Structure formats: C-alpha cells, structure tokens
Amino acid sequence: MSWFWFLCLTAAAMGDIKERIVSDRLLIACGVMGAVCGWQSGIWTHWAGGLAGAAVLLVSRLTEGAIGRGDGWFIIASAGYLDTEEMWVLLLGSFGISWVWSVGLVMYRTWTGGRISKDTLPFLACMWPVGAWIMLFSYA
C-alpha cells in the first residue's frame, strides 16, 4: 500500500509543478486507500498526519491560498499510510528542501534583477525526495 501512496505523491508533485493544482480525483483515491491502510494498522498511529494536514489547510485559508489547499489535503490523505515518526520526517524534510529552494530562488532573482513577487514554489515537489527516502531506506 505504501507504494500506492508514493505513486500518488509522484502524480501530485507533477501536477503541482505543471499546473499548480492537485487533482481532486487523485486526492480522493489516495485518501480512500490511506483510510483503508490506516484502519488496518490502527488509526491512532496516524493522528499526526491528520493534524498536520488540518494545520496546513488552516494556514491556506488564512493566507488566502498563498499556501495551497492541495498540499494540506495531500498531507491528510497521507496520514493513513505514514505513522507519526514518518510524518515528521516527511514534513521536516520537505520544509527543509522548500526553504533551500526558496532561498536559492530569491538569491537568483535578486542577482539577475528579476521579479520575486510572482514566483511560486510547488511544495509537493519538495515532498517527493523525502517520500522517496522514506520508501527506499527507512520504513517501507
């Protein structure tokens, strides 16, 4: 089942990069399978993902979409697949990658005289390498 999650993450990251949107169908499919997986392994080991996703949805609403709703919904959908420790690894690693990417983008735009205000960062693309790490080396 974890490989299905990684396939969903890959498709969501590609959609986030290309179109800046995550497919509702993909989120529903990932969420339903995640619920089944989480139910089988004991739902209480997956509470952190749901809480983290809800926090991202709240921040998305407060920032009027500057942080995408799709990111929050994907984190919620991921909750059934990943336990608390894996979720922390996923989120902290993804935040680290997005920080490096955004600092690099700001520095590049500053040096080249470009506009920074229109740049966006596909967060699910930052999540992909950490998801691959979890799948290949840690917990799968």
C-alpha atoms as a PDB file:
ATOM      1  CA  MET A   1       0.000   0.000   0.000  1.00  0.00           C
ATOM      2  CA  SER A   2       2.866   2.387   0.670  1.00  0.00           C
ATOM      3  CA  TRP A   3       3.913   2.161  -2.960  1.00  0.00           C
ATOM      4  CA  PHE A   4       0.442   3.361  -3.945  1.00  0.00           C
ATOM      5  CA  TRP A   5       0.992   6.399  -1.714  1.00  0.00           C
ATOM      6  CA  PHE A   6       4.324   7.095  -3.397  1.00  0.00           C
ATOM      7  CA  LEU A   7       2.697   6.802  -6.823  1.00  0.00           C
ATOM      8  CA  CYS A   8       0.066   9.314  -5.695  1.00  0.00           C
ATOM      9  CA  LEU A   9       2.797  11.615  -4.374  1.00  0.00           C
ATOM     10  CA  THR A  10       4.620  11.421  -7.705  1.00  0.00           C
ATOM     11  CA  ALA A  11       1.472  12.248  -9.682  1.00  0.00           C
ATOM     12  CA  ALA A  12       0.537  15.061  -7.277  1.00  0.00           C
ATOM     13  CA  ALA A  13       4.040  16.558  -7.410  1.00  0.00           C
ATOM     14  CA  MET A  14       3.987  16.502 -11.212  1.00  0.00           C
ATOM     15  CA  GLY A  15       0.585  18.185 -11.250  1.00  0.00           C
ATOM     16  CA  ASP A  16       1.774  20.747  -8.711  1.00  0.00           C
ATOM     17  CA  ILE A  17       4.792  21.597 -10.864  1.00  0.00           C
ATOM     18  CA  LYS A  18       2.972  21.708 -14.212  1.00  0.00           C
ATOM     19  CA  GLU A  19      -0.424  23.145 -13.370  1.00  0.00           C
ATOM     20  CA  ARG A  20      -0.099  24.412  -9.767  1.00  0.00           C
ATOM     21  CA  ILE A  21      -3.052  22.245  -8.815  1.00  0.00           C
ATOM     22  CA  VAL A  22      -3.550  18.773  -7.374  1.00  0.00           C
ATOM     23  CA  SER A  23      -6.306  16.637  -8.894  1.00  0.00           C
ATOM     24  CA  ASP A  24      -9.340  16.091  -6.669  1.00  0.00           C
ATOM     25  CA  ARG A  25      -9.671  12.541  -8.032  1.00  0.00           C
ATOM     26  CA  LEU A  26      -6.094  11.799  -7.066  1.00  0.00           C
ATOM     27  CA  LEU A  27      -6.641  13.162  -3.560  1.00  0.00           C
ATOM     28  CA  ILE A  28      -9.819  11.114  -3.134  1.00  0.00           C
ATOM     29  CA  ALA A  29      -8.192   7.894  -4.380  1.00  0.00           C
ATOM     30  CA  CYS A  30      -5.145   8.426  -2.178  1.00  0.00           C
ATOM     31  CA  GLY A  31      -7.332   9.324   0.814  1.00  0.00           C
ATOM     32  CA  VAL A  32      -9.637   6.317   0.473  1.00  0.00           C
ATOM     33  CA  MET A  33      -6.759   3.866   0.173  1.00  0.00           C
ATOM     34  CA  GLY A  34      -4.993   5.666   3.029  1.00  0.00           C
ATOM     35  CA  ALA A  35      -8.063   5.308   5.228  1.00  0.00           C
ATOM     36  CA  VAL A  36      -8.169   1.564   4.498  1.00  0.00           C
ATOM     37  CA  CYS A  37      -4.443   1.225   5.197  1.00  0.00           C
ATOM     38  CA  GLY A  38      -4.693   3.305   8.376  1.00  0.00           C
ATOM     39  CA  TRP A  39      -7.700   1.378   9.623  1.00  0.00           C
ATOM     40  CA  GLN A  40      -5.868  -1.926   9.187  1.00  0.00           C
ATOM     41  CA  SER A  41      -2.782  -0.789  11.065  1.00  0.00           C
ATOM     42  CA  GLY A  42      -4.552   1.077  13.851  1.00  0.00           C
ATOM     43  CA  ILE A  43      -5.821   4.565  13.177  1.00  0.00           C
ATOM     44  CA  TRP A  44      -4.311   6.119  16.321  1.00  0.00           C
ATOM     45  CA  THR A  45      -0.765   5.731  14.994  1.00  0.00           C
ATOM     46  CA  HIS A  46      -1.676   8.082  12.143  1.00  0.00           C
ATOM     47  CA  TRP A  47      -3.124  11.049  14.029  1.00  0.00           C
ATOM     48  CA  ALA A  48      -0.149  13.357  13.363  1.00  0.00           C
ATOM     49  CA  GLY A  49      -0.766  13.425   9.622  1.00  0.00           C
ATOM     50  CA  GLY A  50      -4.364  14.443  10.006  1.00  0.00           C
ATOM     51  CA  LEU A  51      -3.442  17.152  12.470  1.00  0.00           C
ATOM     52  CA  ALA A  52      -0.611  18.458  10.272  1.00  0.00           C
ATOM     53  CA  GLY A  53      -2.848  18.493   7.196  1.00  0.00           C
ATOM     54  CA  ALA A  54      -5.563  20.360   9.068  1.00  0.00           C
ATOM     55  CA  ALA A  55      -2.977  22.940  10.155  1.00  0.00           C
ATOM     56  CA  VAL A  56      -1.856  23.426   6.538  1.00  0.00           C
ATOM     57  CA  LEU A  57      -5.495  23.853   5.468  1.00  0.00           C
ATOM     58  CA  LEU A  58      -5.963  26.485   8.173  1.00  0.00           C
ATOM     59  CA  VAL A  59      -2.841  28.358   7.058  1.00  0.00           C
ATOM     60  CA  SER A  60      -4.051  28.116   3.453  1.00  0.00           C
ATOM     61  CA  ARG A  61      -7.301  29.774   4.424  1.00  0.00           C
ATOM     62  CA  LEU A  62      -5.542  32.459   6.490  1.00  0.00           C
ATOM     63  CA  THR A  63      -3.142  33.286   3.635  1.00  0.00           C
ATOM     64  CA  GLU A  64      -5.990  33.280   1.089  1.00  0.00           C
ATOM     65  CA  GLY A  65      -4.435  30.485  -0.936  1.00  0.00           C
ATOM     66  CA  ALA A  66      -0.774  31.544  -0.824  1.00  0.00           C
ATOM     67  CA  ILE A  67      -0.183  28.083   0.615  1.00  0.00           C
ATOM     68  CA  GLY A  68      -2.156  25.604  -1.458  1.00  0.00           C
ATOM     69  CA  ARG A  69      -5.149  23.651  -0.233  1.00  0.00           C
ATOM     70  CA  GLY A  70      -3.957  20.676  -2.274  1.00  0.00           C
ATOM     71  CA  ASP A  71      -0.873  20.430  -0.089  1.00  0.00           C
ATOM     72  CA  GLY A  72      -2.998  20.212   3.057  1.00  0.00           C
ATOM     73  CA  TRP A  73      -5.380  17.679   1.578  1.00  0.00           C
ATOM     74  CA  PHE A  74      -2.484  15.536   0.371  1.00  0.00           C
ATOM     75  CA  ILE A  75      -0.955  15.563   3.856  1.00  0.00           C
ATOM     76  CA  ILE A  76      -4.313  14.468   5.287  1.00  0.00           C
ATOM     77  CA  ALA A  77      -4.572  11.728   2.644  1.00  0.00           C
ATOM     78  CA  SER A  78      -1.034  10.615   3.539  1.00  0.00           C
ATOM     79  CA  ALA A  79      -1.928  10.208   7.197  1.00  0.00           C
ATOM     80  CA  GLY A  80      -3.239   6.682   6.696  1.00  0.00           C
ATOM     81  CA  TYR A  81      -0.008   5.484   5.145  1.00  0.00           C
ATOM     82  CA  LEU A  82       2.564   7.059   7.454  1.00  0.00           C
ATOM     83  CA  ASP A  83       2.906   6.782  11.213  1.00  0.00           C
ATOM     84  CA  THR A  84       3.805   9.743  13.416  1.00  0.00           C
ATOM     85  CA  GLU A  85       7.575   9.389  13.056  1.00  0.00           C
ATOM     86  CA  GLU A  86       7.390   9.036   9.274  1.00  0.00           C
ATOM     87  CA  MET A  87       5.122  12.057   9.060  1.00  0.00           C
ATOM     88  CA  TRP A  88       7.611  14.174  10.999  1.00  0.00           C
ATOM     89  CA  VAL A  89      10.402  13.029   8.689  1.00  0.00           C
ATOM     90  CA  LEU A  90       8.260  13.867   5.657  1.00  0.00           C
ATOM     91  CA  LEU A  91       7.202  17.307   6.850  1.00  0.00           C
ATOM     92  CA  LEU A  92      10.503  18.498   8.311  1.00  0.00           C
ATOM     93  CA  GLY A  93      12.476  17.215   5.341  1.00  0.00           C
ATOM     94  CA  SER A  94      10.040  18.839   2.915  1.00  0.00           C
ATOM     95  CA  PHE A  95      10.186  22.151   4.772  1.00  0.00           C
ATOM     96  CA  GLY A  96      13.980  21.994   4.641  1.00  0.00           C
ATOM     97  CA  ILE A  97      14.028  21.350   0.905  1.00  0.00           C
ATOM     98  CA  SER A  98      11.471  24.087   0.247  1.00  0.00           C
ATOM     99  CA  TRP A  99      13.500  26.515   2.354  1.00  0.00           C
ATOM    100  CA  VAL A 100      16.681  25.827   0.372  1.00  0.00           C
ATOM    101  CA  TRP A 101      14.759  26.066  -2.912  1.00  0.00           C
ATOM    102  CA  SER A 102      13.085  29.353  -1.961  1.00  0.00           C
ATOM    103  CA  VAL A 103      16.314  30.956  -0.685  1.00  0.00           C
ATOM    104  CA  GLY A 104      18.041  29.914  -3.888  1.00  0.00           C
ATOM    105  CA  LEU A 105      15.197  31.375  -5.941  1.00  0.00           C
ATOM    106  CA  VAL A 106      15.279  34.679  -4.056  1.00  0.00           C
ATOM    107  CA  MET A 107      19.064  34.909  -4.453  1.00  0.00           C
ATOM    108  CA  TYR A 108      18.845  34.123  -8.169  1.00  0.00           C
ATOM    109  CA  ARG A 109      16.106  36.709  -8.749  1.00  0.00           C
ATOM    110  CA  THR A 110      17.997  39.288  -6.723  1.00  0.00           C
ATOM    111  CA  TRP A 111      21.237  38.782  -8.653  1.00  0.00           C
ATOM    112  CA  THR A 112      19.547  38.787 -12.054  1.00  0.00           C
ATOM    113  CA  GLY A 113      17.233  41.692 -11.301  1.00  0.00           C
ATOM    114  CA  GLY A 114      14.092  39.602 -11.795  1.00  0.00           C
ATOM    115  CA  ARG A 115      10.754  39.902 -10.001  1.00  0.00           C
ATOM    116  CA  ILE A 116      10.359  37.750  -6.933  1.00  0.00           C
ATOM    117  CA  SER A 117       6.709  38.512  -6.237  1.00  0.00           C
ATOM    118  CA  LYS A 118       5.312  36.242  -8.976  1.00  0.00           C
ATOM    119  CA  ASP A 119       7.349  33.138  -8.115  1.00  0.00           C
ATOM    120  CA  THR A 120       5.608  30.177  -6.526  1.00  0.00           C
ATOM    121  CA  LEU A 121       7.013  27.031  -5.011  1.00  0.00           C
ATOM    122  CA  PRO A 122       5.400  23.604  -5.623  1.00  0.00           C
ATOM    123  CA  PHE A 123       5.540  22.142  -2.111  1.00  0.00           C
ATOM    124  CA  LEU A 124       4.605  18.603  -3.162  1.00  0.00           C
ATOM    125  CA  ALA A 125       7.672  18.584  -5.412  1.00  0.00           C
ATOM    126  CA  CYS A 126       9.718  19.310  -2.275  1.00  0.00           C
ATOM    127  CA  MET A 127       7.965  16.413  -0.591  1.00  0.00           C
ATOM    128  CA  TRP A 128       8.879  13.918  -3.322  1.00  0.00           C
ATOM    129  CA  PRO A 129      12.580  13.351  -2.452  1.00  0.00           C
ATOM    130  CA  VAL A 130      11.725  12.861   1.220  1.00  0.00           C
ATOM    131  CA  GLY A 131       8.922  10.468   0.270  1.00  0.00           C
ATOM    132  CA  ALA A 132      11.400   8.528  -1.872  1.00  0.00           C
ATOM    133  CA  TRP A 133      13.786   8.394   1.084  1.00  0.00           C
ATOM    134  CA  ILE A 134      11.048   7.032   3.343  1.00  0.00           C
ATOM    135  CA  MET A 135      10.043   4.430   0.771  1.00  0.00           C
ATOM    136  CA  LEU A 136      13.518   3.215  -0.091  1.00  0.00           C
ATOM    137  CA  PHE A 137      15.571   3.471   3.070  1.00  0.00           C
ATOM    138  CA  SER A 138      13.559   3.957   6.178  1.00  0.00           C
ATOM    139  CA  TYR A 139      10.256   2.346   6.782  1.00  0.00           C
ATOM    140  CA  ALA A 140       8.795   0.659   3.715  1.00  0.00           C
END
